[in-house]
Amino acid sequence: MADKVFQVIVVALNVRSAPGLDSRYILPNVQLRSGQKVIVDANSRTEKDGIIWWRHSAGWSAERRVDNRTIYMTPVNVTPPPPPPPPPNTTTFYVVEPILNIRASASTAAPVTGVLYLGQQITAETNSRTVVGGNVFLKHSRGWSAERNTITNQVYMTTVKPGVPGIGFGFERLPLGFEYINKVFYFGNTQFAWDYGAQNNYNGYSQGLHGGLDLEHTGGAPVVAGVRGIFDGPGSAFPPNRVDVLVGKYRIIYGHLAKPNRTLQRGATVMPTTQLGEIDFKEQHVHIEIRMGIYILNPLLFMSDALVNQLVTRFPPAGDTRFYSSPTFKQWQTPLDQPVIRLAGPIIGPKAI
């Protein structure tokens, strides 16, 4: 039974340790005052000495004489509390920007409290949609983020899952066939970056992290584009040879190649099976790096779930290919859970601690 509420209508009403008129039950210096409301235990109603008594948090007090000749407090009709609001409608969104700010409120002037990365999923309250300065903001568990801009039509996160976790394009096949791969070093917070990043200038180039996906082979295996794009020529970085392919606003770098394809001219169309070179016998791996402007992105974000699962299942991060962790650093421990890297940006991750 629900609690009952009474309102005192006499100047002062004694509080007692037990129901009854025995003066020994009166609690010293404890009284209820006129107009005061008191919640009583609805199951405590007791008749004694011709009076109806109720127990409350301070003790026992009289409601009235049984014959109603004297009334000390009267029941109050309590309005039941309103029902809880319905849970907000929520929708899963997929981030399609390299870095999307999380803000304290729905405004670009609000403080940035964190970031979301390309390919991340976030559950937002769709009934929180707020338009400020042309940006459509949505509230989620970590704060507010922009969904899109109504002026420029730029989309920052979408409810439609892209064909690949990232956006823009997807690898139709790996640049190095599964039949050739001996080992995989993943993008981001790798043990290799922790151990050897300084001597390879990771601190100055990729914020102390590994800026690409390395597919290992002893040498001589063909490296193909894996995508449809535009050939943008060889280069000397990532020796002995670097080959670049452009896909829209993205630049894919294939590093450490031997025998780069000299038949390709800058601007030529490449197909997923177009051979770009071979695995060098000294470097023994191809470094796959994806850039969009000043950002370096995880190549796995541009692969289908099936391709990622196949790669990670066959070559799980372990041993020297594991992700770095320590008692003070537990972030970025899986192949897809890696940050966007800012080219030549400040060191982040465990080396920044």
Protein backbone atom coordinates (compact mmCIF):
# COMPACT_ATOMS: atom_id res chain seq x y z
CA MET A 1 0.00 0.00 0.00
CA ALA A 2 1.25 3.47 -0.84
CA ASP A 3 2.23 5.94 1.90
CA LYS A 4 -0.34 8.48 3.11
CA VAL A 5 0.20 12.19 3.64
CA PHE A 6 -1.39 14.27 6.43
CA GLN A 7 -1.32 18.02 7.15
CA VAL A 8 -1.23 19.25 10.74
CA ILE A 9 -4.16 21.58 11.57
CA VAL A 10 -3.45 22.28 15.25
CA VAL A 11 -0.83 24.74 16.50
CA ALA A 12 1.48 21.96 17.68
CA LEU A 13 1.18 18.20 17.64
CA ASN A 14 3.22 15.92 19.87
CA VAL A 15 5.35 13.13 18.50
CA ARG A 16 5.43 9.97 20.63
CA SER A 17 7.60 6.90 20.79
CA ALA A 18 4.50 4.66 20.74
CA PRO A 19 0.76 5.12 20.15
CA GLY A 20 -1.21 6.07 23.26
CA LEU A 21 -1.88 8.93 25.67
CA ASP A 22 0.68 7.84 28.23
CA SER A 23 2.81 10.94 28.82
CA ARG A 24 5.92 8.79 28.99
CA TYR A 25 5.61 8.26 25.21
CA ILE A 26 5.97 11.99 24.41
CA LEU A 27 9.31 12.73 22.76
CA PRO A 28 10.85 15.88 24.22
CA ASN A 29 11.48 18.79 21.90
CA VAL A 30 9.86 17.01 18.95
CA GLN A 31 6.61 18.42 17.60
CA LEU A 32 4.81 18.85 14.31
CA ARG A 33 3.69 22.40 13.52
CA SER A 34 0.51 23.78 11.99
CA GLY A 35 0.49 23.40 8.21
CA GLN A 36 3.31 20.86 8.24
CA LYS A 37 2.85 17.85 5.97
CA VAL A 38 3.95 14.47 7.14
CA ILE A 39 4.20 11.16 5.33
CA VAL A 40 2.94 8.24 7.38
CA ASP A 41 3.22 4.49 6.98
CA ALA A 42 -0.10 3.51 5.43
CA ASN A 43 -0.02 0.18 7.27
CA SER A 44 0.57 1.70 10.72
CA ARG A 45 -2.99 2.90 11.56
CA THR A 46 -3.58 2.09 15.22
CA GLU A 47 -6.54 2.86 17.50
CA LYS A 48 -5.64 3.33 21.14
CA ASP A 49 -7.10 5.42 23.94
CA GLY A 50 -9.92 6.51 21.63
CA ILE A 51 -7.51 8.08 19.15
CA ILE A 52 -6.27 7.02 15.71
CA TRP A 53 -2.48 7.05 15.55
CA TRP A 54 -0.04 6.93 12.62
CA ARG A 55 3.66 6.22 12.53
CA HIS A 56 5.98 8.55 10.54
CA SER A 57 9.72 9.15 10.31
CA ALA A 58 9.92 10.99 13.68
CA GLY A 59 7.63 8.69 15.67
CA TRP A 60 3.86 8.43 16.27
CA SER A 61 1.27 11.19 16.10
CA ALA A 62 -2.50 11.44 16.51
CA GLU A 63 -4.76 11.96 13.51
CA ARG A 64 -8.10 12.40 15.38
CA ARG A 65 -10.33 11.08 18.06
CA VAL A 66 -12.26 8.02 16.94
CA ASP A 67 -15.53 9.91 17.51
CA ASN A 68 -14.18 12.80 15.37
CA ARG A 69 -14.75 15.30 18.20
CA THR A 70 -11.14 16.47 17.84
CA ILE A 71 -9.05 16.40 14.66
CA TYR A 72 -5.31 16.99 14.78
CA MET A 73 -4.28 16.43 11.15
CA THR A 74 -6.18 15.80 7.95
CA PRO A 75 -5.34 13.62 4.95
CA VAL A 76 -3.92 15.33 1.89
CA ASN A 77 -4.78 14.18 -1.60
CA VAL A 78 -1.42 13.46 -3.08
CA THR A 79 -1.05 13.90 -6.80
CA PRO A 80 0.79 10.89 -8.12
CA PRO A 81 4.12 11.72 -9.68
CA PRO A 82 4.02 12.09 -13.44
CA PRO A 83 5.05 9.01 -15.37
CA PRO A 84 8.67 9.01 -16.44
CA PRO A 85 9.24 10.47 -19.86
CA PRO A 86 9.43 7.92 -22.63
CA PRO A 87 12.93 6.87 -23.53
CA PRO A 88 14.37 9.02 -26.27
CA ASN A 89 14.22 7.73 -29.81
CA THR A 90 17.70 6.67 -30.76
CA THR A 91 19.40 6.00 -34.07
CA THR A 92 22.81 4.58 -34.89
CA PHE A 93 25.01 6.91 -36.90
CA TYR A 94 28.29 6.20 -38.70
CA VAL A 95 30.99 8.85 -38.65
CA VAL A 96 32.13 9.78 -42.16
CA GLU A 97 34.62 12.52 -41.28
CA PRO A 98 38.23 11.79 -40.32
CA ILE A 99 37.71 13.57 -36.99
CA LEU A 100 34.33 14.78 -35.70
CA ASN A 101 34.26 16.99 -32.62
CA ILE A 102 32.18 16.20 -29.55
CA ARG A 103 30.95 19.41 -27.92
CA ALA A 104 29.46 20.30 -24.57
CA SER A 105 26.35 21.74 -26.23
CA ALA A 106 24.79 22.18 -29.67
CA SER A 107 27.06 24.93 -30.99
CA THR A 108 30.39 25.24 -32.76
CA ALA A 109 31.26 27.79 -30.08
CA ALA A 110 30.79 25.19 -27.30
CA PRO A 111 33.91 23.59 -25.78
CA VAL A 112 35.23 20.47 -27.49
CA THR A 113 35.12 17.61 -24.99
CA GLY A 114 36.33 14.78 -27.23
CA VAL A 115 36.36 13.44 -30.78
CA LEU A 116 34.82 10.69 -32.87
CA TYR A 117 36.83 9.02 -35.63
CA LEU A 118 36.08 7.93 -39.15
CA GLY A 119 34.14 4.67 -39.15
CA GLN A 120 32.98 4.88 -35.52
CA GLN A 121 29.36 4.18 -34.61
CA ILE A 122 27.47 6.39 -32.18
CA THR A 123 23.90 6.13 -30.87
CA ALA A 124 22.24 9.56 -30.94
CA GLU A 125 18.92 10.82 -29.61
CA THR A 126 17.04 11.70 -32.78
CA ASN A 127 14.55 13.89 -30.92
CA SER A 128 17.45 16.08 -29.74
CA ARG A 129 18.09 17.41 -33.25
CA THR A 130 19.03 21.11 -32.99
CA VAL A 131 20.05 23.46 -35.81
CA VAL A 132 22.59 26.15 -34.91
CA GLY A 133 24.44 28.22 -37.50
CA GLY A 134 23.50 25.84 -40.28
CA ASN A 135 24.85 22.79 -38.45
CA VAL A 136 22.43 20.06 -37.41
CA PHE A 137 23.51 18.80 -33.98
CA LEU A 138 22.51 15.56 -32.25
CA LYS A 139 22.98 14.57 -28.63
CA HIS A 140 24.60 11.26 -27.75
CA SER A 141 26.09 9.61 -24.68
CA ARG A 142 29.31 11.63 -24.90
CA GLY A 143 27.90 15.04 -25.78
CA TRP A 144 26.80 16.78 -28.99
CA SER A 145 28.09 16.28 -32.53
CA ALA A 146 27.12 17.70 -35.90
CA GLU A 147 25.26 15.40 -38.25
CA ARG A 148 25.49 17.68 -41.32
CA ASN A 149 25.61 21.27 -42.51
CA THR A 150 22.46 22.59 -44.16
CA ILE A 151 24.34 25.36 -45.98
CA THR A 152 27.20 23.40 -47.54
CA ASN A 153 25.36 20.03 -47.56
CA GLN A 154 28.44 18.45 -46.02
CA VAL A 155 27.63 15.24 -44.14
CA TYR A 156 29.56 14.37 -40.97
CA MET A 157 27.72 11.24 -39.88
CA THR A 158 25.06 9.17 -41.59
CA THR A 159 22.42 6.63 -40.63
CA VAL A 160 23.18 4.57 -43.71
CA LYS A 161 25.99 2.13 -43.12
CA PRO A 162 28.56 2.61 -45.88
CA GLY A 163 29.60 -0.34 -47.99
CA VAL A 164 32.83 -0.33 -46.02
CA PRO A 165 33.32 1.06 -42.53
CA GLY A 166 35.03 4.11 -44.00
CA ILE A 167 33.83 6.23 -46.90
CA GLY A 168 34.72 7.10 -50.48
CA PHE A 169 35.95 3.75 -51.77
CA GLY A 170 36.77 0.24 -50.72
CA PHE A 171 39.58 -2.17 -51.48
CA GLU A 172 38.23 -4.86 -53.76
CA ARG A 173 41.17 -7.08 -52.86
CA LEU A 174 44.32 -6.85 -50.78
CA PRO A 175 47.34 -5.33 -52.52
CA LEU A 176 49.25 -8.46 -51.54
CA GLY A 177 47.40 -11.73 -51.99
CA PHE A 178 46.69 -13.89 -48.98
CA GLU A 179 48.77 -16.64 -50.54
CA TYR A 180 51.87 -14.43 -50.16
CA ILE A 181 51.35 -12.79 -46.77
CA ASN A 182 53.56 -14.08 -43.96
CA LYS A 183 52.78 -11.52 -41.27
CA VAL A 184 50.74 -8.34 -40.77
CA PHE A 185 51.68 -5.23 -38.79
CA TYR A 186 48.57 -3.18 -38.18
CA PHE A 187 47.95 0.57 -38.21
CA GLY A 188 48.17 2.67 -35.07
CA ASN A 189 49.24 1.87 -31.52
CA THR A 190 51.52 -1.07 -32.25
CA GLN A 191 54.27 -2.57 -30.15
CA PHE A 192 56.54 -2.02 -33.15
CA ALA A 193 55.81 1.71 -33.06
CA TRP A 194 56.63 1.79 -29.37
CA ASP A 195 59.89 -0.13 -29.81
CA TYR A 196 61.17 1.28 -33.10
CA GLY A 197 59.08 4.36 -33.87
CA ALA A 198 61.67 6.88 -32.73
CA GLN A 199 64.39 5.54 -35.02
CA ASN A 200 61.92 5.49 -37.93
CA ASN A 201 60.77 9.09 -37.24
CA TYR A 202 57.25 8.03 -36.26
CA ASN A 203 57.39 10.72 -33.59
CA GLY A 204 57.80 13.44 -36.20
CA TYR A 205 55.71 11.95 -39.00
CA SER A 206 52.81 9.93 -37.54
CA GLN A 207 52.36 11.16 -33.96
CA GLY A 208 54.40 8.26 -32.54
CA LEU A 209 52.12 5.61 -34.05
CA HIS A 210 52.34 3.30 -37.06
CA GLY A 211 50.90 5.17 -40.04
CA GLY A 212 50.12 2.24 -42.28
CA LEU A 213 49.26 -1.43 -42.75
CA ASP A 214 52.33 -3.60 -43.42
CA LEU A 215 51.88 -6.84 -45.35
CA GLU A 216 55.03 -9.00 -45.13
CA HIS A 217 56.61 -11.35 -47.67
CA THR A 218 60.20 -12.46 -48.19
CA GLY A 219 60.38 -10.80 -51.60
CA GLY A 220 59.36 -11.00 -55.24
CA ALA A 221 55.57 -11.28 -54.73
CA PRO A 222 53.44 -8.97 -56.93
CA VAL A 223 51.79 -5.92 -55.35
CA VAL A 224 48.57 -4.76 -57.03
CA ALA A 225 46.47 -1.64 -56.54
CA GLY A 226 43.49 -3.44 -55.01
CA VAL A 227 41.32 -0.41 -55.92
CA ARG A 228 40.11 1.54 -58.94
CA GLY A 229 41.93 4.84 -59.12
CA ILE A 230 44.37 7.14 -60.86
CA PHE A 231 48.12 6.49 -61.00
CA ASP A 232 50.05 9.42 -59.51
CA GLY A 233 53.58 8.28 -60.12
CA PRO A 234 56.46 6.73 -58.19
CA GLY A 235 58.53 8.50 -55.56
CA SER A 236 61.68 7.97 -53.53
CA ALA A 237 60.13 8.07 -50.04
CA PHE A 238 59.50 4.67 -48.43
CA PRO A 239 62.54 3.26 -50.26
CA PRO A 240 63.42 1.71 -52.54
CA ASN A 241 60.23 2.98 -54.26
CA ARG A 242 56.90 4.53 -53.41
CA VAL A 243 53.90 4.35 -55.74
CA ASP A 244 50.79 6.52 -55.25
CA VAL A 245 47.23 5.97 -56.42
CA LEU A 246 44.53 8.63 -56.08
CA VAL A 247 40.90 7.72 -55.37
CA GLY A 248 38.79 10.85 -55.11
CA LYS A 249 40.14 12.92 -52.19
CA TYR A 250 42.25 10.03 -50.91
CA ARG A 251 45.91 9.23 -51.65
CA ILE A 252 47.02 5.63 -51.26
CA ILE A 253 50.74 5.14 -50.77
CA TYR A 254 52.31 1.77 -51.55
CA GLY A 255 55.72 1.91 -49.90
CA HIS A 256 58.97 -0.08 -50.10
CA LEU A 257 58.32 -1.56 -53.55
CA ALA A 258 60.83 -3.12 -55.88
CA LYS A 259 60.43 -2.93 -59.68
CA PRO A 260 57.77 -0.20 -59.85
CA ASN A 261 55.57 -0.42 -62.94
CA ARG A 262 57.30 1.88 -65.46
CA THR A 263 54.58 1.42 -68.08
CA LEU A 264 52.12 3.51 -66.07
CA GLN A 265 51.98 7.23 -66.78
CA ARG A 266 50.75 9.78 -64.25
CA GLY A 267 46.99 10.11 -64.70
CA ALA A 268 46.53 6.59 -66.01
CA THR A 269 43.62 4.54 -64.72
CA VAL A 270 44.51 1.62 -62.47
CA MET A 271 42.30 -1.33 -61.70
CA PRO A 272 42.32 -3.60 -58.62
CA THR A 273 44.51 -6.12 -60.47
CA THR A 274 46.97 -3.54 -61.90
CA GLN A 275 50.45 -4.52 -60.74
CA LEU A 276 52.34 -1.61 -59.17
CA GLY A 277 55.53 -3.43 -58.27
CA GLU A 278 56.93 -6.28 -56.20
CA ILE A 279 57.91 -6.94 -52.61
CA ASP A 280 61.51 -5.86 -52.14
CA PHE A 281 63.86 -8.62 -50.96
CA LYS A 282 65.47 -6.26 -48.43
CA GLU A 283 62.38 -4.48 -47.05
CA GLN A 284 60.25 -7.64 -47.24
CA HIS A 285 56.91 -5.85 -46.92
CA VAL A 286 54.59 -3.37 -48.57
CA HIS A 287 53.48 -0.39 -46.49
CA ILE A 288 49.89 0.62 -47.30
CA GLU A 289 49.10 4.17 -46.19
CA ILE A 290 45.97 6.23 -46.86
CA ARG A 291 45.98 10.01 -46.58
CA MET A 292 43.26 12.59 -46.86
CA GLY A 293 44.88 16.00 -46.68
CA ILE A 294 46.75 16.19 -43.38
CA TYR A 295 45.16 13.01 -42.01
CA ILE A 296 46.49 9.45 -42.15
CA LEU A 297 43.65 6.92 -41.98
CA ASN A 298 43.46 3.28 -40.97
CA PRO A 299 43.45 1.20 -44.22
CA LEU A 300 41.13 -1.33 -42.56
CA LEU A 301 38.38 1.31 -42.59
CA PHE A 302 38.39 1.01 -46.38
CA MET A 303 37.91 -2.74 -46.45
CA SER A 304 34.70 -4.74 -46.23
CA ASP A 305 33.83 -6.47 -42.99
CA ALA A 306 34.47 -9.81 -44.69
CA LEU A 307 37.95 -8.79 -45.84
CA VAL A 308 38.87 -7.36 -42.42
CA ASN A 309 37.61 -10.47 -40.65
CA GLN A 310 39.55 -12.72 -42.99
CA LEU A 311 42.75 -10.72 -42.46
CA VAL A 312 42.47 -10.44 -38.68
CA THR A 313 41.43 -14.09 -38.28
CA ARG A 314 44.42 -15.34 -40.23
CA PHE A 315 46.85 -12.81 -38.76
CA PRO A 316 45.68 -11.84 -35.26
CA PRO A 317 47.76 -9.14 -33.55
CA ALA A 318 50.04 -11.05 -31.20
CA GLY A 319 53.69 -11.21 -30.27
CA ASP A 320 55.66 -8.57 -32.15
CA THR A 321 52.54 -7.59 -34.11
CA ARG A 322 50.46 -6.88 -30.99
CA PHE A 323 49.14 -3.52 -29.89
CA TYR A 324 51.01 -1.73 -27.13
CA SER A 325 49.56 -1.68 -23.64
CA SER A 326 50.83 -0.96 -20.15
CA PRO A 327 49.39 -0.42 -16.66
CA THR A 328 48.97 3.26 -17.58
CA PHE A 329 47.81 2.88 -21.19
CA LYS A 330 44.90 0.65 -22.27
CA GLN A 331 43.53 2.43 -25.35
CA TRP A 332 43.52 1.33 -29.00
CA GLN A 333 43.88 -2.41 -28.49
CA THR A 334 42.18 -3.82 -31.61
CA PRO A 335 42.81 -3.37 -35.35
CA LEU A 336 39.73 -1.22 -36.02
CA ASP A 337 39.86 0.71 -32.74
CA GLN A 338 42.65 3.07 -33.76
CA PRO A 339 42.79 6.87 -33.95
CA VAL A 340 43.09 9.05 -37.01
CA ILE A 341 46.68 10.26 -37.27
CA ARG A 342 47.50 13.88 -38.09
CA LEU A 343 50.50 14.10 -40.42
CA ALA A 344 53.43 15.62 -38.49
CA GLY A 345 51.12 16.33 -35.55
CA PRO A 346 52.08 16.21 -31.88
CA ILE A 347 52.76 12.81 -30.31
CA ILE A 348 49.67 11.00 -29.04
CA GLY A 349 49.14 7.66 -27.38
CA PRO A 350 51.46 5.99 -24.86
CA LYS A 351 54.49 8.10 -25.75
CA ALA A 352 52.57 11.26 -24.87
CA ILE A 353 52.04 10.13 -21.26
